[in-house]
């Protein structure tokens, strides 16, 4: 069977505002090509530092100090490997993962995958709702339920920005990510962690996750890092870069996408590690080992650090995290719905559906469990994402390992061994967690 390279950006259901909008000149110097290709990895990295990551990292640092830092590191490395597969699939086939699943699997299987993907989108948006609502509560003094209501209106912001062009959206995300990073950099300067202990925390230890409680958190960290909807999103938005149609140009595009992905996720790793280090140094190191709620972390930072700056920076970074994740979740929801159902909705309609479904569990959880439910709901949402991850990861690995689909860009044996091992570890950890909770 002869393999023909499809044209990037002409997939039948790829959103027109996404497909092939940024031209990358193959004759330009490497540095300029890297700059032109930079962006999709940044949007993916947003999901690696959303409010769900905050909840798992704050609780992990508070309860176990630096002991689970290695989980953040390994989860981020796994994310780099998986997201590189996504960019390879999108560039080699000119289609995204949702489209390929609909075309290659039976209708029943594809619909089941779609439902699971939608569950992951709702779980993700639940984390954004709770994170932004909590930020409004902390910064403006409004009630948590009022903060949840305010998040319902971020659709207006989506509408205002959706027609501004993809490059401008990437620039806005860069500003938000930079805000998050700057806030945590200043906070670490204020808290002054003991860096030799931090370095030891990056050493892998099975004993550190040998019990159900730390394992639950470790799987939450994994779910908060490698998010199912990001797999679908990355395979689509990588096609915003229009490159040559020959094999050499596409191979160069895959290399540039790999640089963009690894660089962006390395930044996300630093942010996630900073959150856990902040919690370990400020709370665990001072005997506050039960700080599992983000609002507790916010209020405790002032007396522990000796000033109001740290808590304000914490609230600002949390708001930036929630808002930036909202954008990528909306785009991912469009990609998933269009790919699986061949159904295209306006951005605002898709936003209303996703946010509406996320608002219900947020309101119910806060109403039944009180303001203290935020941390528990955030961690639970990340565990749900981890449980959904294998259902998106399996077709991604199968397709990128299929020579008839990928041609010369098919995964080589070392890559196959690595990603199938990751799949086995993730699935095994999920099964272990379920068994621990049931027993």
Protein backbone atom coordinates (compact mmCIF):
# COMPACT_ATOMS: atom_id res chain seq x y z
CA UNK A 1 0.00 0.00 0.00
CA UNK A 2 1.47 3.31 -1.07
CA UNK A 3 1.57 6.00 1.60
CA UNK A 4 0.55 9.48 0.51
CA UNK A 5 1.21 12.46 2.70
CA UNK A 6 -1.99 14.44 3.25
CA UNK A 7 -1.92 18.20 3.20
CA UNK A 8 -1.71 19.79 6.62
CA UNK A 9 -4.66 21.92 7.59
CA UNK A 10 -7.15 20.42 5.10
CA UNK A 11 -8.63 17.76 7.36
CA UNK A 12 -12.37 17.76 6.60
CA UNK A 13 -13.50 18.82 10.07
CA UNK A 14 -10.54 20.84 11.30
CA UNK A 15 -11.79 24.24 12.52
CA UNK A 16 -11.00 26.79 9.78
CA UNK A 17 -9.68 29.29 12.30
CA UNK A 18 -7.16 26.66 13.44
CA UNK A 19 -6.01 24.92 10.28
CA UNK A 20 -2.82 26.04 8.59
CA UNK A 21 -2.90 29.69 9.60
CA UNK A 22 0.80 30.30 10.29
CA UNK A 23 3.27 29.73 7.49
CA UNK A 24 6.69 28.32 8.40
CA UNK A 25 9.33 29.05 5.75
CA UNK A 26 11.52 25.93 5.42
CA UNK A 27 14.43 28.04 4.14
CA UNK A 28 14.48 30.34 7.19
CA UNK A 29 17.20 29.93 9.85
CA UNK A 30 16.49 27.34 12.55
CA UNK A 31 15.93 29.94 15.27
CA UNK A 32 13.27 31.74 13.21
CA UNK A 33 11.56 28.45 12.37
CA UNK A 34 11.46 27.56 16.06
CA UNK A 35 9.84 30.91 16.88
CA UNK A 36 7.24 30.48 14.12
CA UNK A 37 6.44 26.98 15.34
CA UNK A 38 6.29 27.93 19.02
CA UNK A 39 2.76 28.15 20.41
CA UNK A 40 0.88 24.82 20.30
CA UNK A 41 3.11 23.44 23.05
CA UNK A 42 2.39 26.52 25.14
CA UNK A 43 -1.37 26.00 24.82
CA UNK A 44 -0.93 22.35 25.83
CA UNK A 45 1.21 23.33 28.81
CA UNK A 46 -1.73 25.37 30.17
CA UNK A 47 -3.49 22.13 31.02
CA UNK A 48 -0.41 21.00 32.92
CA UNK A 49 -0.71 23.86 35.41
CA UNK A 50 -4.47 24.30 35.85
CA UNK A 51 -6.19 24.62 39.27
CA UNK A 52 -6.45 20.83 39.52
CA UNK A 53 -2.66 20.65 39.57
CA UNK A 54 -2.65 23.21 42.35
CA UNK A 55 -4.96 21.16 44.55
CA UNK A 56 -2.99 17.93 44.20
CA UNK A 57 0.38 19.67 44.60
CA UNK A 58 -0.71 21.72 47.64
CA UNK A 59 -2.06 18.64 49.43
CA UNK A 60 0.97 16.53 48.45
CA UNK A 61 3.42 19.14 49.72
CA UNK A 62 1.48 19.80 52.90
CA UNK A 63 1.06 16.14 53.87
CA UNK A 64 4.28 14.60 52.59
CA UNK A 65 6.75 17.44 52.21
CA UNK A 66 9.05 17.04 49.22
CA UNK A 67 8.55 13.24 49.03
CA UNK A 68 6.23 13.33 46.00
CA UNK A 69 8.29 15.75 43.91
CA UNK A 70 9.55 12.80 41.88
CA UNK A 71 5.95 12.06 40.87
CA UNK A 72 5.67 15.59 39.41
CA UNK A 73 8.93 15.06 37.52
CA UNK A 74 8.03 11.62 36.13
CA UNK A 75 4.51 12.70 35.21
CA UNK A 76 5.92 15.70 33.32
CA UNK A 77 8.44 13.51 31.46
CA UNK A 78 5.63 11.10 30.56
CA UNK A 79 3.62 14.08 29.34
CA UNK A 80 6.49 15.17 27.09
CA UNK A 81 6.69 11.71 25.51
CA UNK A 82 2.93 11.46 24.98
CA UNK A 83 2.50 15.00 23.62
CA UNK A 84 5.33 14.44 21.16
CA UNK A 85 3.32 11.49 19.82
CA UNK A 86 0.35 13.81 19.40
CA UNK A 87 2.27 16.35 17.34
CA UNK A 88 3.73 13.53 15.23
CA UNK A 89 0.26 12.12 14.53
CA UNK A 90 -1.22 15.48 13.58
CA UNK A 91 1.64 16.43 11.27
CA UNK A 92 1.97 13.02 9.60
CA UNK A 93 -1.73 12.47 8.90
CA UNK A 94 -3.21 15.97 8.69
CA UNK A 95 -6.00 14.75 10.99
CA UNK A 96 -6.58 14.89 14.71
CA UNK A 97 -7.05 11.98 17.09
CA UNK A 98 -10.84 12.35 17.32
CA UNK A 99 -11.25 12.30 13.54
CA UNK A 100 -9.05 9.23 13.21
CA UNK A 101 -10.93 7.38 15.96
CA UNK A 102 -14.25 8.06 14.21
CA UNK A 103 -12.86 6.89 10.87
CA UNK A 104 -11.04 3.78 12.09
CA UNK A 105 -13.32 2.38 14.80
CA UNK A 106 -16.91 1.17 14.81
CA UNK A 107 -19.67 3.65 15.54
CA UNK A 108 -20.31 2.15 18.98
CA UNK A 109 -16.64 2.27 19.94
CA UNK A 110 -16.21 5.82 18.65
CA UNK A 111 -19.30 7.03 20.52
CA UNK A 112 -18.06 5.42 23.73
CA UNK A 113 -14.70 7.14 23.30
CA UNK A 114 -16.50 10.41 22.67
CA UNK A 115 -18.52 10.09 25.89
CA UNK A 116 -15.36 9.36 27.89
CA UNK A 117 -13.62 12.34 26.27
CA UNK A 118 -16.55 14.58 27.17
CA UNK A 119 -16.37 13.35 30.78
CA UNK A 120 -12.72 14.42 30.84
CA UNK A 121 -13.65 17.85 29.44
CA UNK A 122 -16.31 18.31 32.14
CA UNK A 123 -13.89 17.19 34.86
CA UNK A 124 -11.34 19.65 33.52
CA UNK A 125 -13.83 22.50 33.37
CA UNK A 126 -15.00 21.67 36.89
CA UNK A 127 -11.45 22.34 38.06
CA UNK A 128 -11.43 25.65 36.17
CA UNK A 129 -14.80 26.68 37.67
CA UNK A 130 -13.68 25.92 41.21
CA UNK A 131 -10.25 27.48 40.73
CA UNK A 132 -11.54 30.76 39.28
CA UNK A 133 -14.41 30.92 41.79
CA UNK A 134 -11.96 30.47 44.63
CA UNK A 135 -9.66 33.15 43.19
CA UNK A 136 -12.58 35.60 43.02
CA UNK A 137 -13.51 34.64 46.59
CA UNK A 138 -10.00 35.26 47.86
CA UNK A 139 -9.21 38.42 45.91
CA UNK A 140 -12.61 40.15 45.89
CA UNK A 141 -14.12 38.83 49.12
CA UNK A 142 -17.27 37.47 47.44
CA UNK A 143 -18.81 34.19 48.53
CA UNK A 144 -17.72 31.00 46.81
CA UNK A 145 -21.12 30.51 45.21
CA UNK A 146 -21.00 34.07 43.88
CA UNK A 147 -17.54 33.29 42.47
CA UNK A 148 -19.01 30.27 40.70
CA UNK A 149 -21.71 32.49 39.17
CA UNK A 150 -19.06 34.95 37.96
CA UNK A 151 -17.24 32.13 36.15
CA UNK A 152 -20.39 31.53 34.12
CA UNK A 153 -19.76 34.83 32.37
CA UNK A 154 -16.29 34.01 31.06
CA UNK A 155 -18.11 32.98 27.87
CA UNK A 156 -18.16 36.71 27.05
CA UNK A 157 -14.37 36.74 27.21
CA UNK A 158 -14.19 33.69 24.95
CA UNK A 159 -16.48 35.42 22.44
CA UNK A 160 -14.37 38.55 22.50
CA UNK A 161 -11.17 36.68 21.74
CA UNK A 162 -12.22 33.85 19.43
CA UNK A 163 -11.95 35.97 16.28
CA UNK A 164 -8.68 37.67 17.18
CA UNK A 165 -6.54 35.08 15.43
CA UNK A 166 -4.72 32.05 16.74
CA UNK A 167 -1.37 33.79 17.08
CA UNK A 168 -2.88 36.49 19.29
CA UNK A 169 -4.55 33.84 21.43
CA UNK A 170 -1.16 32.20 21.90
CA UNK A 171 0.31 35.56 22.93
CA UNK A 172 -2.43 36.02 25.53
CA UNK A 173 -1.73 32.54 26.90
CA UNK A 174 1.97 33.41 27.09
CA UNK A 175 1.15 36.46 29.22
CA UNK A 176 -1.03 34.36 31.56
CA UNK A 177 1.60 31.62 31.88
CA UNK A 178 4.26 34.24 32.49
CA UNK A 179 2.08 35.72 35.24
CA UNK A 180 1.79 32.33 36.94
CA UNK A 181 5.52 31.68 36.70
CA UNK A 182 6.48 35.13 37.98
CA UNK A 183 4.13 34.88 40.97
CA UNK A 184 5.62 31.58 42.09
CA UNK A 185 9.17 32.74 41.50
CA UNK A 186 8.59 35.67 43.87
CA UNK A 187 6.85 33.44 46.41
CA UNK A 188 9.76 31.00 46.49
CA UNK A 189 12.12 33.92 47.05
CA UNK A 190 9.99 34.96 50.02
CA UNK A 191 9.64 31.47 51.54
CA UNK A 192 13.25 30.35 51.00
CA UNK A 193 12.96 26.52 50.90
CA UNK A 194 15.91 24.33 51.90
CA UNK A 195 17.16 23.31 48.45
CA UNK A 196 19.13 20.15 49.42
CA UNK A 197 15.86 18.65 50.71
CA UNK A 198 14.13 19.77 47.52
CA UNK A 199 16.76 17.97 45.42
CA UNK A 200 16.27 14.74 47.40
CA UNK A 201 12.55 14.91 46.73
CA UNK A 202 13.16 14.32 43.03
CA UNK A 203 14.63 10.86 43.75
CA UNK A 204 12.02 8.15 42.89
CA UNK A 205 10.80 6.10 45.84
CA UNK A 206 8.20 3.31 45.79
CA UNK A 207 7.96 3.54 49.56
CA UNK A 208 6.64 7.10 49.24
CA UNK A 209 3.54 5.86 47.37
CA UNK A 210 3.22 2.48 49.08
CA UNK A 211 -0.05 3.36 50.87
CA UNK A 212 -3.48 4.25 49.50
CA UNK A 213 -3.44 7.94 50.56
CA UNK A 214 -0.17 8.99 48.86
CA UNK A 215 -0.97 6.74 45.89
CA UNK A 216 -4.32 8.51 45.49
CA UNK A 217 -2.50 11.84 45.43
CA UNK A 218 0.17 10.50 43.06
CA UNK A 219 -2.50 9.36 40.60
CA UNK A 220 -4.19 12.74 41.02
CA UNK A 221 -0.90 14.41 40.10
CA UNK A 222 -0.66 12.17 37.04
CA UNK A 223 -4.23 12.96 35.99
CA UNK A 224 -3.61 16.66 36.55
CA UNK A 225 -0.49 16.51 34.39
CA UNK A 226 -1.21 14.19 31.45
CA UNK A 227 -4.79 15.23 30.66
CA UNK A 228 -6.89 13.24 28.14
CA UNK A 229 -8.32 16.26 26.33
CA UNK A 230 -4.80 17.55 25.68
CA UNK A 231 -4.12 14.52 23.47
CA UNK A 232 -7.00 15.46 21.19
CA UNK A 233 -6.21 19.16 21.31
CA UNK A 234 -2.53 18.83 20.44
CA UNK A 235 -3.13 16.67 17.37
CA UNK A 236 -5.36 19.44 16.02
CA UNK A 237 -3.62 22.71 16.89
CA UNK A 238 -0.23 21.50 15.70
CA UNK A 239 -1.79 21.82 12.23
CA UNK A 240 -1.94 25.60 12.62
CA UNK A 241 1.60 25.61 11.24
CA UNK A 242 1.62 25.37 7.45
CA UNK A 243 4.76 23.66 6.18
CA UNK A 244 5.92 22.05 2.93
CA UNK A 245 4.22 18.88 1.76
CA UNK A 246 7.34 16.82 1.10
CA UNK A 247 8.76 14.30 3.56
CA UNK A 248 11.75 16.45 4.51
CA UNK A 249 9.54 19.43 5.41
CA UNK A 250 7.27 17.30 7.56
CA UNK A 251 10.18 15.68 9.28
CA UNK A 252 11.49 19.16 10.07
CA UNK A 253 8.02 20.14 11.33
CA UNK A 254 7.97 17.15 13.69
CA UNK A 255 11.38 18.20 15.02
CA UNK A 256 10.22 21.79 15.56
CA UNK A 257 7.03 20.57 17.25
CA UNK A 258 9.13 18.40 19.56
CA UNK A 259 11.24 21.41 20.58
CA UNK A 260 8.11 23.47 21.19
CA UNK A 261 6.48 20.70 23.23
CA UNK A 262 9.44 19.83 25.43
CA UNK A 263 10.31 23.48 26.07
CA UNK A 264 6.73 24.40 27.01
CA UNK A 265 6.21 21.37 29.24
CA UNK A 266 9.55 22.01 30.95
CA UNK A 267 8.10 25.38 31.96
CA UNK A 268 4.97 23.63 33.25
CA UNK A 269 7.18 21.24 35.23
CA UNK A 270 8.88 24.18 36.94
CA UNK A 271 5.52 25.71 37.88
CA UNK A 272 4.08 22.45 39.23
CA UNK A 273 7.23 21.70 41.18
CA UNK A 274 7.17 25.25 42.56
CA UNK A 275 3.61 24.76 43.85
CA UNK A 276 4.58 21.57 45.70
CA UNK A 277 7.81 23.11 47.01
CA UNK A 278 5.83 26.13 48.22
CA UNK A 279 3.42 23.89 50.13
CA UNK A 280 6.19 21.70 51.55
CA UNK A 281 8.31 24.63 52.75
CA UNK A 282 5.50 26.87 54.01
CA UNK A 283 3.18 24.26 55.53
CA UNK A 284 4.76 20.83 56.02
CA UNK A 285 8.00 22.36 57.28
CA UNK A 286 6.10 24.42 59.89
CA UNK A 287 3.84 21.62 61.13
CA UNK A 288 0.76 22.55 59.06
CA UNK A 289 0.40 19.08 57.51
CA UNK A 290 -3.36 19.24 57.02
CA UNK A 291 -3.51 22.08 54.51
CA UNK A 292 -5.56 20.47 51.75
CA UNK A 293 -7.68 23.46 50.67
CA UNK A 294 -6.39 26.23 48.44
CA UNK A 295 -8.12 28.88 50.54
CA UNK A 296 -6.30 27.59 53.63
CA UNK A 297 -3.02 27.92 51.76
CA UNK A 298 -3.92 31.48 50.77
CA UNK A 299 -4.74 32.58 54.33
CA UNK A 300 -1.78 30.82 55.91
CA UNK A 301 0.82 32.37 53.61
CA UNK A 302 0.55 35.83 55.19
CA UNK A 303 1.46 34.92 58.79
CA UNK A 304 4.03 32.33 57.75
CA UNK A 305 5.85 34.53 55.25
CA UNK A 306 5.39 37.77 57.15
CA UNK A 307 3.53 39.90 54.64
CA UNK A 308 0.48 40.14 52.39
CA UNK A 309 2.36 39.91 49.09
CA UNK A 310 2.66 36.10 48.98
CA UNK A 311 -1.08 35.48 49.38
CA UNK A 312 -2.02 38.13 46.81
CA UNK A 313 0.40 36.60 44.30
CA UNK A 314 -1.11 33.20 45.07
CA UNK A 315 -4.62 34.48 44.27
CA UNK A 316 -3.54 36.27 41.08
CA UNK A 317 -1.69 33.19 39.81
CA UNK A 318 -4.71 31.00 40.60
CA UNK A 319 -7.00 33.28 38.60
CA UNK A 320 -4.56 33.33 35.66
CA UNK A 321 -4.36 29.54 35.81
CA UNK A 322 -8.12 29.06 35.74
CA UNK A 323 -8.75 31.57 32.96
CA UNK A 324 -6.00 30.26 30.70
CA UNK A 325 -7.19 26.68 31.13
CA UNK A 326 -10.70 27.74 30.20
CA UNK A 327 -9.55 28.76 26.71
CA UNK A 328 -7.79 25.50 25.95
CA UNK A 329 -10.68 23.45 27.36
CA UNK A 330 -13.09 25.20 25.01
CA UNK A 331 -10.93 24.55 21.95
CA UNK A 332 -10.44 20.91 22.99
CA UNK A 333 -14.20 20.47 23.38
CA UNK A 334 -14.73 21.74 19.84
CA UNK A 335 -12.07 19.42 18.44
CA UNK A 336 -13.56 16.39 20.22
CA UNK A 337 -17.15 17.09 19.19
CA UNK A 338 -16.31 17.87 15.57
CA UNK A 339 -13.95 14.92 15.25
CA UNK A 340 -16.17 12.25 16.77
CA UNK A 341 -19.64 13.48 15.76
CA UNK A 342 -18.91 15.49 12.62
CA UNK A 343 -20.85 18.20 14.41
CA UNK A 344 -19.64 21.78 14.34
CA UNK A 345 -21.04 24.25 16.85
CA UNK A 346 -20.19 27.93 17.27
CA UNK A 347 -17.58 28.50 19.94
CA UNK A 348 -20.03 30.22 22.30
CA UNK A 349 -22.53 27.35 22.13
CA UNK A 350 -19.86 24.80 22.89
CA UNK A 351 -18.65 26.99 25.75
CA UNK A 352 -22.12 27.24 27.23
CA UNK A 353 -22.65 23.48 27.09
CA UNK A 354 -19.32 22.67 28.75
CA UNK A 355 -19.56 25.35 31.41
CA UNK A 356 -23.20 24.51 32.14
CA UNK A 357 -22.35 20.86 32.76
CA UNK A 358 -19.44 21.84 35.02
CA UNK A 359 -21.44 24.37 37.05
CA UNK A 360 -23.91 21.74 38.28
CA UNK A 361 -21.43 19.53 40.22
CA UNK A 362 -19.62 22.67 41.42
CA UNK A 363 -22.79 24.16 42.91
CA UNK A 364 -23.98 20.83 44.32
CA UNK A 365 -20.61 20.02 45.87
CA UNK A 366 -20.25 23.43 47.55
CA UNK A 367 -23.90 23.39 48.68
CA UNK A 368 -23.70 19.93 50.24
CA UNK A 369 -20.15 20.00 51.58
CA UNK A 370 -19.50 23.69 52.15
CA UNK A 371 -16.55 25.81 51.09
CA UNK A 372 -14.19 23.10 52.33
CA UNK A 373 -15.31 20.88 49.44
CA UNK A 374 -13.23 22.76 46.86
CA UNK A 375 -9.97 20.93 47.51
CA UNK A 376 -11.64 17.52 47.62
CA UNK A 377 -13.56 18.17 44.41
CA UNK A 378 -10.43 19.41 42.65
CA UNK A 379 -8.40 16.33 43.60
CA UNK A 380 -11.33 14.06 42.66
CA UNK A 381 -11.59 15.72 39.24
CA UNK A 382 -7.92 14.97 38.61
CA UNK A 383 -8.31 11.32 39.63
CA UNK A 384 -11.23 11.08 37.18
CA UNK A 385 -8.94 12.44 34.46
CA UNK A 386 -6.32 9.83 35.28
CA UNK A 387 -8.94 7.06 35.03
CA UNK A 388 -9.97 8.40 31.60
CA UNK A 389 -6.42 8.74 30.30
CA UNK A 390 -5.84 5.14 29.08
CA UNK A 391 -8.92 5.37 26.82
CA UNK A 392 -7.34 8.25 24.89
CA UNK A 393 -3.77 7.03 25.18
CA UNK A 394 -4.42 3.56 23.72
CA UNK A 395 -5.65 4.71 20.28
CA UNK A 396 -2.90 7.35 20.15
CA UNK A 397 -0.19 4.72 20.62
CA UNK A 398 -1.84 2.25 18.25
CA UNK A 399 -2.19 4.81 15.48
CA UNK A 400 1.30 6.27 15.75
CA UNK A 401 2.64 2.69 15.64
CA UNK A 402 0.64 1.82 12.47
CA UNK A 403 2.94 1.94 9.41
CA UNK A 404 -0.02 2.08 6.99
CA UNK A 405 -1.26 5.25 8.64
CA UNK A 406 2.03 6.91 9.56
CA UNK A 407 4.29 5.71 6.74
CA UNK A 408 7.89 6.79 7.32
CA UNK A 409 6.85 8.63 10.49
CA UNK A 410 5.75 5.51 12.34
CA UNK A 411 7.04 5.01 15.90
CA UNK A 412 10.35 3.18 16.11
CA UNK A 413 10.82 0.29 18.50
CA UNK A 414 12.42 2.27 21.35
CA UNK A 415 9.51 4.72 21.26
CA UNK A 416 6.97 1.91 21.18
CA UNK A 417 8.53 0.23 24.19
CA UNK A 418 8.58 3.52 26.10
CA UNK A 419 4.98 4.56 25.41
CA UNK A 420 3.49 1.09 25.91
CA UNK A 421 5.35 0.92 29.22
CA UNK A 422 3.80 4.25 30.19
CA UNK A 423 0.39 2.91 29.23
CA UNK A 424 0.92 -0.19 31.38
CA UNK A 425 2.12 1.86 34.36
CA UNK A 426 -0.79 4.31 34.17
CA UNK A 427 -3.38 1.55 33.75
CA UNK A 428 -1.78 -0.51 36.51
CA UNK A 429 -1.71 2.44 38.91
CA UNK A 430 -5.39 3.15 38.22
CA UNK A 431 -6.30 -0.50 38.82
CA UNK A 432 -4.27 -0.53 42.04
CA UNK A 433 -6.02 2.60 43.27
CA UNK A 434 -9.47 1.15 42.54
CA UNK A 435 -8.55 -2.05 44.35
CA UNK A 436 -7.24 -0.07 47.35
CA UNK A 437 -10.42 2.00 47.57
CA UNK A 438 -12.73 -1.00 47.15
CA UNK A 439 -10.93 -3.13 49.72
